[in-house]
Amino acid sequence: MSPSQQKLYLLDYGAGNVRSLLNAVEKLGYTIKHIDTASDFDKADKIIFPGVGAFGYAMKALREKGFVEPLKKFIASGRPLMGICVGMQVLFDGSDESPTEPGLGVFQGQARLFDSKTKTVPHMGWNAAQKVFVDQNPTANAPDVSNDRRYYFVHSYAVPYSSKDRQNEFAYTATRYGDETIISSIWQNNVFATQFHPEKSGAAGLAALKSFIEHDLVRPQVPSKIVAPENIRQELTKRVIACLDVRANDQGDLVVTKGDQYDVRESAEKGGDVRNLGKPVELAKRYFDEGADEIAFLNITSFRNMPFKDTPMLEVLRQASRSIFVPLTIGGGVRDIVDPDGEHKWPAVQVAGEYFRSGADKVSIGSDAVYAAERYWQREADGVKPLLDGTTAIEQIAERYGKQAVVISVDPRRVYVDVDGKANGHNVIKTAFPGPNGEEYCWYQCTVKGGREGRDIDVIQLVTACEAMGAGEILLNCMDKDGTNSGYDIELISSVKAAVSIPVIASSGAGKVEHFSEVIDKTNVDAVLAAGIFHRCEVPISAVKSHMSQQDIPTRL
């Protein structure tokens, strides 16, 4: 049967962003239908099974929909199945993430939590997937996964790779992350599955997806020898992220803007309108084409005068995900929302769900994260146990969609003091940049409402509380550095990087390519982000990546 004639189906249990996968299949020239009922399994020639979030949530959803036995029957029939991320993990016996939830047991193995004492967790970014077989003859019908390409990973749990057990029957590629080696794809008989996200891995991922759609991928033989874990190379790259601040101008059109110290309007001499640096989708597509590893949309307009379903940012995501196949983050407005009619209420977890279904991979939480952290520390001060009660947006979104889906956007500013140690209970550092009165110490005050209001909580208190609540990443801005082109705040980034075990993105202050390598070398930050210098074409993304590569910084070129 030709690929155009086969019936390709998507198994979606409500995990989150499947729109990008649908768009990727469409980009390759094919159509795909949804499995809505158990009877749809019998109609399918091939199934793609993506998964996002918690292992237990995935298995529970499959059981509630009556999909477990039909899925096992489909696999046993010999028809091709492709699993993605959690869609791969549930094919194994189980996961430490949900010890009481058994997996499908198609393959022997258990997903384990990464060791956060030796590296940041989640494993987030572009890494290699190295083929592990030694003596298997290549075949034209093999999955198109190459040792030389990089693929996008985002997960906290994975099946460990070992060459000493029965994994040679199904292991296809392995990936090194720090001191651990994991199975990054499996291939046995009619089943091909990846821990990485092909729909978020650019051209490399589309090639892997295309090979599944266009070939039967039946493994011809089992290798008798596979590569030892210690021989799998460490290839995780540092991510370069393009950030787009999006808001409505005075005419009601959405534009990408960038301010000077958070002021996004032109001077009165230039008319005083919102600074317009381009249209969101067009600019994002340009950055994808230029090699951005991720793209972040930060919504800085409230849109409180319209129902949430009509929020323009939902359509921005839908349009962007049609042609952009790297991770998309959306920030701004991820909180409990009440529509203007006062009747329809949207809990933050539902707001996040709409963003995911529209094409986002992560949501960024700003002001509400500060308020949640304040409540967290107040509970500790009051002796209230447990500190976590499951009521915050961070906890609820992380529980359903996984911690990797929750980014905390921090807008701190320096407060100079004369004392070492603690200042009014805040974490103080000695700074190489004295204050206006010669102060040698400072702490970083968190702000809300776009930097307009300071709060009595410091950046270390915020990020540690948010990590405890389940956040998976920190987007670390700096009000003092924003728009200055003077380089990142190394002192701020170093202190936050040392305080958490989750990935940290450096933001604010980049003005030349050397600033990107400097912050990576001095802080080991996981990703670097810029906005204005990319929008104004002052520093191309390609120049940043070329410079990083020349400095021996692992980079996806």
Protein backbone atom coordinates (compact mmCIF):
# COMPACT_ATOMS: atom_id res chain seq x y z
CA MET A 1 0.00 0.00 0.00
CA SER A 2 1.39 3.41 -0.92
CA PRO A 3 1.78 6.00 1.89
CA SER A 4 -0.92 8.15 0.30
CA GLN A 5 -3.43 5.30 0.50
CA GLN A 6 -2.73 4.11 4.03
CA LYS A 7 -4.94 5.12 6.93
CA LEU A 8 -2.75 7.00 9.37
CA TYR A 9 -4.20 7.66 12.84
CA LEU A 10 -3.17 9.73 15.86
CA LEU A 11 -3.65 8.32 19.36
CA ASP A 12 -4.31 11.38 21.53
CA TYR A 13 -5.35 10.86 25.15
CA GLY A 14 -5.47 14.59 25.93
CA ALA A 15 -1.80 15.03 26.77
CA GLY A 16 -1.32 18.55 25.46
CA ASN A 17 0.29 19.83 22.30
CA VAL A 18 -0.47 17.42 19.47
CA ARG A 19 -1.12 20.24 17.02
CA SER A 20 2.60 20.41 16.16
CA LEU A 21 2.59 16.72 15.27
CA LEU A 22 -0.50 17.15 13.12
CA ASN A 23 1.18 20.09 11.39
CA ALA A 24 4.37 18.09 10.88
CA VAL A 25 2.45 15.26 9.19
CA GLU A 26 0.67 17.81 7.01
CA LYS A 27 4.01 19.47 6.20
CA LEU A 28 5.20 16.10 4.89
CA GLY A 29 2.18 15.95 2.58
CA TYR A 30 0.00 13.46 4.47
CA THR A 31 -3.24 13.50 6.42
CA ILE A 32 -3.93 11.90 9.77
CA LYS A 33 -7.12 11.07 11.63
CA HIS A 34 -7.83 10.97 15.37
CA ILE A 35 -8.61 7.81 17.26
CA ASP A 36 -11.80 8.75 19.06
CA THR A 37 -13.13 5.34 20.09
CA ALA A 38 -11.73 1.84 20.65
CA SER A 39 -13.20 0.72 17.31
CA ASP A 40 -10.93 3.18 15.46
CA PHE A 41 -7.91 0.95 16.15
CA ASP A 42 -9.32 -1.58 13.69
CA LYS A 43 -9.49 1.08 10.97
CA ALA A 44 -5.87 2.17 11.24
CA ASP A 45 -2.98 0.97 9.09
CA LYS A 46 -0.46 2.94 11.15
CA ILE A 47 -0.69 4.81 14.45
CA ILE A 48 1.40 7.62 15.90
CA PHE A 49 1.19 7.77 19.70
CA PRO A 50 2.59 11.02 21.20
CA GLY A 51 2.76 11.54 24.93
CA VAL A 52 3.41 14.57 27.12
CA GLY A 53 3.35 14.89 30.88
CA ALA A 54 3.18 12.31 33.63
CA PHE A 55 3.40 8.54 33.04
CA GLY A 56 0.55 7.88 35.47
CA TYR A 57 -1.73 10.43 33.84
CA ALA A 58 -1.09 8.82 30.44
CA MET A 59 -1.91 5.30 31.64
CA LYS A 60 -4.99 6.47 33.54
CA ALA A 61 -6.28 8.33 30.48
CA LEU A 62 -5.72 5.28 28.26
CA ARG A 63 -7.66 3.07 30.68
CA GLU A 64 -10.53 5.54 31.07
CA LYS A 65 -10.91 5.75 27.30
CA GLY A 66 -10.81 1.97 26.95
CA PHE A 67 -7.68 2.15 24.78
CA VAL A 68 -5.28 -0.20 26.60
CA GLU A 69 -6.40 -3.53 25.18
CA PRO A 70 -7.11 -2.21 21.66
CA LEU A 71 -3.61 -0.70 21.62
CA LYS A 72 -2.01 -3.99 22.68
CA LYS A 73 -4.07 -5.81 20.06
CA PHE A 74 -2.95 -3.32 17.38
CA ILE A 75 0.71 -3.90 18.25
CA ALA A 76 0.25 -7.68 18.26
CA SER A 77 -1.33 -7.50 14.80
CA GLY A 78 1.97 -6.40 13.28
CA ARG A 79 0.72 -3.03 12.07
CA PRO A 80 3.26 -0.18 12.54
CA LEU A 81 3.18 1.99 15.68
CA MET A 82 5.32 5.03 16.43
CA GLY A 83 5.51 6.24 20.04
CA ILE A 84 6.87 9.63 21.08
CA CYS A 85 8.24 10.64 24.52
CA VAL A 86 5.76 9.33 27.14
CA GLY A 87 4.24 7.42 24.21
CA MET A 88 7.49 5.45 24.23
CA GLN A 89 7.80 5.13 28.02
CA VAL A 90 4.36 3.56 28.52
CA LEU A 91 5.41 0.71 26.20
CA PHE A 92 7.71 -0.45 29.03
CA ASP A 93 6.85 -2.14 32.35
CA GLY A 94 6.51 1.06 34.33
CA SER A 95 8.04 4.31 35.58
CA ASP A 96 9.36 5.56 38.91
CA GLU A 97 7.24 8.64 38.25
CA SER A 98 4.07 6.63 38.96
CA PRO A 99 5.15 3.46 40.81
CA THR A 100 1.63 2.11 41.23
CA GLU A 101 0.76 2.45 37.54
CA PRO A 102 1.90 -0.48 35.38
CA GLY A 103 2.90 0.25 31.80
CA LEU A 104 1.83 -1.74 28.76
CA GLY A 105 4.71 -4.19 29.21
CA VAL A 106 5.50 -4.50 25.51
CA PHE A 107 9.20 -4.05 26.36
CA GLN A 108 11.13 -4.95 29.50
CA GLY A 109 12.41 -1.96 31.46
CA GLN A 110 11.53 0.80 33.90
CA ALA A 111 11.76 4.56 33.36
CA ARG A 112 13.97 6.10 36.05
CA LEU A 113 14.36 9.65 37.35
CA PHE A 114 17.56 11.42 36.31
CA ASP A 115 20.03 12.19 39.10
CA SER A 116 19.62 15.93 39.73
CA LYS A 117 22.70 16.03 41.98
CA THR A 118 24.98 15.74 38.97
CA LYS A 119 23.05 17.71 36.34
CA THR A 120 19.97 19.79 35.69
CA VAL A 121 16.65 17.97 35.46
CA PRO A 122 14.63 17.87 33.21
CA HIS A 123 16.95 16.82 30.40
CA MET A 124 15.99 19.67 28.10
CA GLY A 125 17.55 20.59 24.80
CA TRP A 126 19.12 19.26 21.63
CA ASN A 127 21.13 16.06 21.97
CA ALA A 128 22.40 13.25 19.78
CA ALA A 129 20.77 9.86 19.27
CA GLN A 130 23.57 7.40 18.57
CA LYS A 131 22.80 4.04 16.94
CA VAL A 132 23.80 1.24 19.27
CA PHE A 133 24.05 -1.82 17.03
CA VAL A 134 27.44 -2.97 15.81
CA ASP A 135 26.77 -5.82 13.40
CA GLN A 136 23.38 -5.11 11.88
CA ASN A 137 23.32 -4.55 8.16
CA PRO A 138 21.77 -1.21 7.13
CA THR A 139 18.40 -1.31 5.42
CA ALA A 140 16.51 1.20 3.31
CA ASN A 141 13.50 0.67 5.57
CA ALA A 142 15.30 1.65 8.79
CA PRO A 143 14.09 4.67 10.80
CA ASP A 144 15.87 7.78 9.57
CA VAL A 145 17.78 8.67 12.73
CA SER A 146 21.35 9.85 12.21
CA ASN A 147 24.30 9.99 14.59
CA ASP A 148 25.25 13.37 13.10
CA ARG A 149 21.95 15.15 13.77
CA ARG A 150 20.54 16.67 16.96
CA TYR A 151 17.07 16.01 18.34
CA TYR A 152 14.98 17.83 20.92
CA PHE A 153 14.59 16.13 24.30
CA VAL A 154 12.50 17.29 27.25
CA HIS A 155 11.93 14.78 30.06
CA SER A 156 12.81 13.96 33.66
CA TYR A 157 12.44 10.17 33.43
CA ALA A 158 14.02 7.75 30.97
CA VAL A 159 14.77 4.07 30.51
CA PRO A 160 18.47 3.47 31.31
CA TYR A 161 20.56 1.98 28.53
CA SER A 162 22.66 -1.10 29.22
CA SER A 163 24.42 -3.43 26.82
CA LYS A 164 24.36 -6.32 29.32
CA ASP A 165 20.72 -7.36 29.12
CA ARG A 166 18.05 -8.03 26.49
CA GLN A 167 18.02 -4.47 25.17
CA ASN A 168 19.79 -5.62 22.02
CA GLU A 169 16.39 -6.96 20.93
CA PHE A 170 14.83 -3.51 20.76
CA ALA A 171 17.31 -0.66 21.51
CA TYR A 172 17.95 1.41 18.38
CA THR A 173 19.69 4.55 19.65
CA ALA A 174 21.11 5.72 22.97
CA THR A 175 21.82 9.20 24.31
CA ARG A 176 24.29 10.40 26.91
CA TYR A 177 23.16 13.01 29.42
CA GLY A 178 25.81 13.91 31.96
CA ASP A 179 26.81 10.72 33.76
CA GLU A 180 23.81 8.69 32.55
CA THR A 181 23.05 6.92 29.29
CA ILE A 182 19.44 6.32 28.23
CA ILE A 183 17.55 4.60 25.45
CA SER A 184 16.53 7.39 23.08
CA SER A 185 14.71 5.21 20.54
CA ILE A 186 13.53 1.64 20.20
CA TRP A 187 12.80 -0.47 17.15
CA GLN A 188 11.49 -4.01 17.24
CA ASN A 189 9.38 -5.65 14.59
CA ASN A 190 6.57 -3.18 13.83
CA VAL A 191 7.21 -0.77 16.75
CA PHE A 192 9.39 2.34 16.46
CA ALA A 193 9.43 4.88 19.31
CA THR A 194 11.53 7.87 20.31
CA GLN A 195 12.23 9.57 23.63
CA PHE A 196 12.93 12.77 21.70
CA HIS A 197 10.23 14.82 19.95
CA PRO A 198 10.62 14.52 16.14
CA GLU A 199 7.92 17.15 15.60
CA LYS A 200 10.09 19.62 17.56
CA SER A 201 13.43 18.58 16.08
CA GLY A 202 13.38 20.60 12.88
CA ALA A 203 14.47 18.92 9.64
CA ALA A 204 16.09 16.03 11.52
CA GLY A 205 12.84 15.18 13.27
CA LEU A 206 10.75 15.52 10.14
CA ALA A 207 13.06 13.02 8.42
CA ALA A 208 12.49 10.47 11.20
CA LEU A 209 8.74 11.01 11.06
CA LYS A 210 8.72 10.72 7.27
CA SER A 211 10.57 7.41 7.38
CA PHE A 212 7.87 5.93 9.62
CA ILE A 213 5.05 7.14 7.38
CA GLU A 214 6.62 6.06 4.11
CA HIS A 215 8.18 2.70 5.12
CA ASP A 216 7.09 -0.32 7.11
CA LEU A 217 10.25 -0.26 9.27
CA VAL A 218 10.28 -3.99 10.00
CA ARG A 219 13.61 -4.79 11.68
CA PRO A 220 15.30 -7.51 9.63
CA GLN A 221 17.48 -9.03 12.35
CA VAL A 222 18.57 -8.64 15.96
CA PRO A 223 22.19 -7.58 16.47
CA SER A 224 24.27 -9.83 18.70
CA LYS A 225 26.44 -6.98 19.94
CA ILE A 226 25.61 -3.39 20.83
CA VAL A 227 27.66 -0.39 21.91
CA ALA A 228 28.58 -0.12 25.60
CA PRO A 229 26.99 2.82 27.50
CA GLU A 230 30.38 4.42 28.20
CA ASN A 231 30.99 4.68 24.46
CA ILE A 232 27.91 6.82 23.84
CA ARG A 233 29.07 10.43 23.42
CA GLN A 234 27.85 13.44 25.40
CA GLU A 235 26.35 15.79 22.79
CA LEU A 236 23.87 18.07 24.59
CA THR A 237 24.02 21.56 23.13
CA LYS A 238 23.45 24.98 24.66
CA ARG A 239 20.19 26.42 23.35
CA VAL A 240 19.82 29.80 21.65
CA ILE A 241 16.30 31.17 22.12
CA ALA A 242 14.62 34.04 20.29
CA CYS A 243 12.08 35.92 22.39
CA LEU A 244 9.21 37.99 20.99
CA ASP A 245 7.35 40.46 23.20
CA VAL A 246 3.89 40.66 21.63
CA ARG A 247 1.24 43.26 22.29
CA ALA A 248 -1.50 45.18 20.55
CA ASN A 249 -0.64 48.63 19.28
CA ASP A 250 -3.01 51.59 19.39
CA GLN A 251 -4.68 50.39 16.20
CA GLY A 252 -5.39 46.96 17.70
CA ASP A 253 -2.84 45.08 15.57
CA LEU A 254 -0.51 42.55 17.17
CA VAL A 255 3.13 43.56 16.84
CA VAL A 256 6.46 42.41 18.18
CA THR A 257 7.89 45.17 20.30
CA LYS A 258 10.89 45.79 22.48
CA GLY A 259 11.31 48.47 25.06
CA ASP A 260 14.05 50.44 26.70
CA GLN A 261 13.96 49.33 30.32
CA TYR A 262 10.44 47.93 29.80
CA ASP A 263 9.09 51.07 28.04
CA VAL A 264 7.76 49.89 24.66
CA ARG A 265 6.53 53.19 23.27
CA GLU A 266 8.32 55.47 20.86
CA SER A 267 9.19 58.99 21.94
CA ALA A 268 6.60 61.74 21.56
CA GLU A 269 8.62 63.09 18.63
CA LYS A 270 8.05 59.77 16.84
CA GLY A 271 4.34 59.68 17.58
CA GLY A 272 4.35 57.82 20.89
CA ASP A 273 2.91 54.58 19.47
CA VAL A 274 3.96 51.11 20.49
CA ARG A 275 7.34 50.28 18.95
CA ASN A 276 6.73 47.93 16.01
CA LEU A 277 9.50 45.50 15.09
CA GLY A 278 7.45 43.11 13.01
CA LYS A 279 4.53 40.69 12.93
CA PRO A 280 4.75 37.82 15.45
CA VAL A 281 4.32 34.81 13.15
CA GLU A 282 6.46 36.19 10.33
CA LEU A 283 9.29 37.09 12.70
CA ALA A 284 9.12 33.75 14.48
CA LYS A 285 9.31 31.92 11.15
CA ARG A 286 12.40 33.95 10.27
CA TYR A 287 14.07 32.85 13.50
CA PHE A 288 13.18 29.21 12.86
CA ASP A 289 14.73 29.46 9.41
CA GLU A 290 17.83 31.10 10.93
CA GLY A 291 18.34 28.20 13.34
CA ALA A 292 16.76 29.27 16.65
CA ASP A 293 16.59 26.30 19.02
CA GLU A 294 13.40 27.58 20.64
CA ILE A 295 11.05 30.52 20.27
CA ALA A 296 9.24 32.28 23.11
CA PHE A 297 6.19 34.51 22.74
CA LEU A 298 5.60 36.78 25.73
CA ASN A 299 2.14 38.31 25.66
CA ILE A 300 2.38 41.76 27.27
CA THR A 301 -1.21 42.79 26.51
CA SER A 302 -3.88 41.58 28.93
CA PHE A 303 -6.78 41.26 26.39
CA ARG A 304 -9.16 41.41 29.35
CA ASN A 305 -11.95 42.88 27.27
CA MET A 306 -12.59 39.67 25.32
CA PRO A 307 -13.40 36.03 26.08
CA PHE A 308 -10.28 33.96 26.58
CA LYS A 309 -11.17 31.71 23.62
CA ASP A 310 -10.85 34.80 21.40
CA THR A 311 -7.42 35.78 22.74
CA PRO A 312 -5.28 36.61 19.68
CA MET A 313 -2.28 34.73 21.09
CA LEU A 314 -4.10 31.43 20.56
CA GLU A 315 -4.25 32.14 16.85
CA VAL A 316 -0.62 33.27 16.84
CA LEU A 317 0.33 29.85 18.20
CA ARG A 318 -1.89 28.01 15.71
CA GLN A 319 -0.33 29.85 12.79
CA ALA A 320 3.24 29.64 14.07
CA SER A 321 3.08 25.90 14.76
CA ARG A 322 2.12 25.24 11.13
CA SER A 323 5.60 26.09 9.89
CA ILE A 324 7.84 26.18 12.98
CA PHE A 325 9.10 22.81 14.22
CA VAL A 326 11.07 23.76 17.32
CA PRO A 327 9.63 24.24 20.84
CA LEU A 328 7.32 27.21 21.38
CA THR A 329 6.82 28.87 24.76
CA ILE A 330 3.94 31.22 25.55
CA GLY A 331 4.00 33.60 28.49
CA GLY A 332 1.64 36.20 29.89
CA GLY A 333 -1.86 35.65 31.17
CA VAL A 334 -1.30 32.09 32.44
CA ARG A 335 -3.52 32.47 35.50
CA ASP A 336 -7.12 32.03 36.56
CA ILE A 337 -9.25 34.06 34.15
CA VAL A 338 -12.87 35.20 34.21
CA ASP A 339 -14.43 36.18 30.88
CA PRO A 340 -15.93 39.68 30.57
CA ASP A 341 -19.44 38.25 30.98
CA GLY A 342 -18.47 37.23 34.51
CA GLU A 343 -19.84 33.74 34.01
CA HIS A 344 -17.19 31.67 32.22
CA LYS A 345 -14.21 30.96 34.48
CA TRP A 346 -10.94 29.52 33.24
CA PRO A 347 -8.66 27.94 35.87
CA ALA A 348 -5.00 28.41 35.03
CA VAL A 349 -4.58 24.72 34.16
CA GLN A 350 -7.33 25.07 31.53
CA VAL A 351 -5.72 28.26 30.20
CA ALA A 352 -2.48 26.32 29.82
CA GLY A 353 -4.35 23.47 28.14
CA GLU A 354 -5.76 25.81 25.50
CA TYR A 355 -2.28 27.15 24.80
CA PHE A 356 -0.92 23.60 24.46
CA ARG A 357 -3.71 22.57 22.13
CA SER A 358 -3.00 25.66 20.04
CA GLY A 359 0.65 24.72 19.53
CA ALA A 360 2.62 25.72 22.65
CA ASP A 361 5.02 23.29 24.29
CA LYS A 362 5.60 25.28 27.47
CA VAL A 363 3.82 28.03 29.37
CA SER A 364 5.67 30.78 31.18
CA ILE A 365 4.27 32.06 34.49
CA GLY A 366 5.36 35.45 35.82
CA SER A 367 3.49 37.46 38.44
CA ASP A 368 1.40 34.52 39.62
CA ALA A 369 4.60 32.59 40.35
CA VAL A 370 5.69 35.39 42.69
CA TYR A 371 2.38 35.34 44.53
CA ALA A 372 2.53 31.54 44.79
CA ALA A 373 6.07 31.69 46.20
CA GLU A 374 5.00 34.28 48.76
CA ARG A 375 2.24 31.96 49.95
CA TYR A 376 4.69 29.04 50.02
CA TRP A 377 7.10 30.81 52.36
CA GLN A 378 4.26 32.18 54.48
CA ARG A 379 3.02 28.61 55.02
CA GLU A 380 6.50 27.64 56.14
CA ALA A 381 6.67 30.60 58.53
CA ASP A 382 3.27 29.66 59.96
CA GLY A 383 4.26 26.02 60.36
CA VAL A 384 1.57 24.84 57.97
CA LYS A 385 2.15 21.35 56.62
CA PRO A 386 2.36 20.28 53.91
CA LEU A 387 3.92 23.25 52.18
CA LEU A 388 2.43 22.05 48.89
CA ASP A 389 -1.34 21.75 48.74
CA GLY A 390 -1.84 21.33 44.99
CA THR A 391 -3.75 24.58 44.56
CA THR A 392 -1.20 26.63 42.62
CA ALA A 393 -1.13 26.86 38.85
CA ILE A 394 2.46 25.58 38.87
CA GLU A 395 1.50 22.38 40.71
CA GLN A 396 -1.62 21.71 38.66
CA ILE A 397 -0.04 22.27 35.26
CA ALA A 398 3.06 20.24 36.19
CA GLU A 399 0.93 17.36 37.46
CA ARG A 400 -1.08 17.12 34.26
CA TYR A 401 1.40 18.13 31.58
CA GLY A 402 4.75 17.49 33.27
CA LYS A 403 7.19 19.85 34.98
CA GLN A 404 8.99 20.44 31.67
CA ALA A 405 5.90 22.36 30.50
CA VAL A 406 6.17 25.00 33.27
CA VAL A 407 8.60 27.90 32.90
CA ILE A 408 8.96 30.58 35.56
CA SER A 409 9.68 34.03 34.13
CA VAL A 410 11.49 36.16 36.71
CA ASP A 411 11.86 39.97 36.52
CA PRO A 412 14.28 40.91 39.32
CA ARG A 413 16.08 44.17 40.04
CA ARG A 414 19.03 45.02 42.26
CA VAL A 415 18.56 46.47 45.73
CA TYR A 416 21.85 47.69 47.17
CA VAL A 417 22.63 47.27 50.88
CA ASP A 418 25.61 47.76 53.21
CA VAL A 419 25.47 44.37 54.93
CA ASP A 420 26.66 40.86 54.16
CA GLY A 421 24.63 37.66 54.64
CA LYS A 422 20.96 38.59 54.99
CA ALA A 423 19.16 41.91 54.57
CA ASN A 424 15.66 41.85 56.00
CA GLY A 425 15.65 38.11 55.41
CA HIS A 426 16.83 38.33 51.82
CA ASN A 427 19.75 36.55 50.16
CA VAL A 428 22.59 39.02 49.70
CA ILE A 429 25.65 38.75 47.46
CA LYS A 430 28.84 40.76 47.35
CA THR A 431 28.92 42.53 44.02
CA ALA A 432 31.76 43.65 41.80
CA PHE A 433 29.59 46.60 40.76
CA PRO A 434 29.05 48.89 43.78
CA GLY A 435 25.83 50.81 44.22
CA PRO A 436 25.30 54.57 43.84
CA ASN A 437 26.56 55.18 47.37
CA GLY A 438 29.40 52.70 47.20
CA GLU A 439 27.38 49.77 48.56
CA GLU A 440 29.27 46.50 48.14
CA TYR A 441 26.29 44.18 48.60
CA CYS A 442 22.94 43.70 46.94
CA TRP A 443 19.95 41.38 46.72
CA TYR A 444 17.62 40.85 43.80
CA GLN A 445 14.03 41.91 44.39
CA CYS A 446 11.31 40.14 42.41
CA THR A 447 8.74 42.27 40.65
CA VAL A 448 5.24 41.75 39.25
CA LYS A 449 2.99 43.46 36.72
CA GLY A 450 5.68 43.77 34.08
CA GLY A 451 8.24 45.14 36.50
CA ARG A 452 6.04 47.94 37.76
CA GLU A 453 5.68 46.67 41.33
CA GLY A 454 8.38 45.31 43.64
CA ARG A 455 7.61 42.56 46.17
CA ASP A 456 9.21 41.58 49.46
CA ILE A 457 10.74 38.38 48.07
CA ASP A 458 14.15 37.79 46.53
CA VAL A 459 15.05 35.83 43.45
CA ILE A 460 16.54 32.86 45.34
CA GLN A 461 13.42 32.55 47.49
CA LEU A 462 11.30 32.65 44.35
CA VAL A 463 13.15 30.09 42.25
CA THR A 464 13.61 27.57 45.06
CA ALA A 465 9.93 27.74 45.99
CA CYS A 466 8.87 27.37 42.35
CA GLU A 467 11.17 24.39 41.86
CA ALA A 468 9.60 22.77 44.92
CA MET A 469 6.14 23.40 43.43
CA GLY A 470 7.07 21.58 40.23
CA ALA A 471 8.44 24.18 37.82
CA GLY A 472 10.76 22.76 35.18
CA GLU A 473 12.72 25.79 33.99
CA ILE A 474 13.66 29.36 34.94
CA LEU A 475 13.61 32.21 32.42
CA LEU A 476 15.83 34.69 34.24
CA ASN A 477 15.44 38.30 33.13
CA CYS A 478 17.17 41.29 34.71
CA MET A 479 15.53 44.71 34.84
CA ASP A 480 18.87 46.45 35.37
CA LYS A 481 20.32 44.91 32.21
CA ASP A 482 17.31 44.95 29.90
CA GLY A 483 17.96 46.97 26.75
CA THR A 484 21.49 47.98 27.79
CA ASN A 485 23.42 45.68 25.37
CA SER A 486 26.09 45.55 28.09
CA GLY A 487 26.03 41.81 28.67
CA TYR A 488 24.14 39.44 30.96
CA ASP A 489 24.13 39.87 34.74
CA ILE A 490 26.68 37.16 35.54
CA GLU A 491 26.29 37.57 39.31
CA LEU A 492 22.53 37.12 39.18
CA ILE A 493 22.67 34.13 36.84
CA SER A 494 25.44 32.42 38.82
CA SER A 495 23.51 32.70 42.08
CA VAL A 496 20.29 31.32 40.58
CA LYS A 497 22.09 28.54 38.70
CA ALA A 498 23.68 27.43 41.98
CA ALA A 499 20.35 27.51 43.83
CA VAL A 500 18.28 25.19 41.61
CA SER A 501 18.72 21.90 39.77
CA ILE A 502 16.32 22.75 36.93
CA PRO A 503 17.47 24.42 33.68
CA VAL A 504 18.06 28.18 33.67
CA ILE A 505 17.75 30.50 30.66
CA ALA A 506 19.87 33.66 30.71
CA SER A 507 18.01 36.74 29.47
CA SER A 508 18.49 40.52 29.28
CA GLY A 509 21.53 42.48 28.23
CA ALA A 510 23.08 40.71 25.25
CA GLY A 511 24.61 43.10 22.74
CA LYS A 512 27.29 41.12 20.92
CA VAL A 513 28.20 37.49 20.26
CA GLU A 514 30.84 37.49 23.00
CA HIS A 515 28.16 38.08 25.62
CA PHE A 516 26.58 34.71 24.81
CA SER A 517 29.79 32.73 25.23
CA GLU A 518 30.77 34.72 28.32
CA VAL A 519 27.61 33.87 30.26
CA ILE A 520 27.86 30.19 29.31
CA ASP A 521 31.53 29.96 30.27
CA LYS A 522 31.08 31.76 33.60
CA THR A 523 27.75 30.29 34.76
CA ASN A 524 27.20 27.06 32.78
CA VAL A 525 23.69 28.32 32.09
CA ASP A 526 21.55 25.94 30.03
CA ALA A 527 20.27 28.39 27.41
CA VAL A 528 20.73 31.97 26.25
CA LEU A 529 17.93 34.26 25.10
CA ALA A 530 17.83 37.55 23.27
CA ALA A 531 15.21 39.74 21.65
CA GLY A 532 15.97 43.25 20.45
CA ILE A 533 19.35 42.53 18.87
CA PHE A 534 17.73 39.72 16.86
CA HIS A 535 14.70 41.82 15.87
CA ARG A 536 16.83 44.71 14.68
CA CYS A 537 19.27 42.36 12.87
CA GLU A 538 22.15 43.77 14.91
CA VAL A 539 23.36 40.26 15.78
CA PRO A 540 22.07 37.36 13.66
CA ILE A 541 21.31 34.04 15.33
CA SER A 542 23.71 32.37 12.88
CA ALA A 543 26.51 34.65 14.09
CA VAL A 544 25.82 33.71 17.71
CA LYS A 545 25.91 30.01 16.92
CA SER A 546 29.01 30.29 14.78
CA HIS A 547 30.81 32.15 17.56
CA MET A 548 29.71 29.63 20.18
CA SER A 549 30.95 26.77 18.03
CA GLN A 550 34.30 28.51 17.56
CA GLN A 551 34.53 28.78 21.34
CA ASP A 552 33.98 25.00 21.64
CA ILE A 553 30.53 25.45 23.14
CA PRO A 554 28.25 22.58 22.07
CA THR A 555 25.91 24.11 19.50
CA ARG A 556 23.29 22.90 17.05
CA LEU A 557 24.42 24.40 13.75
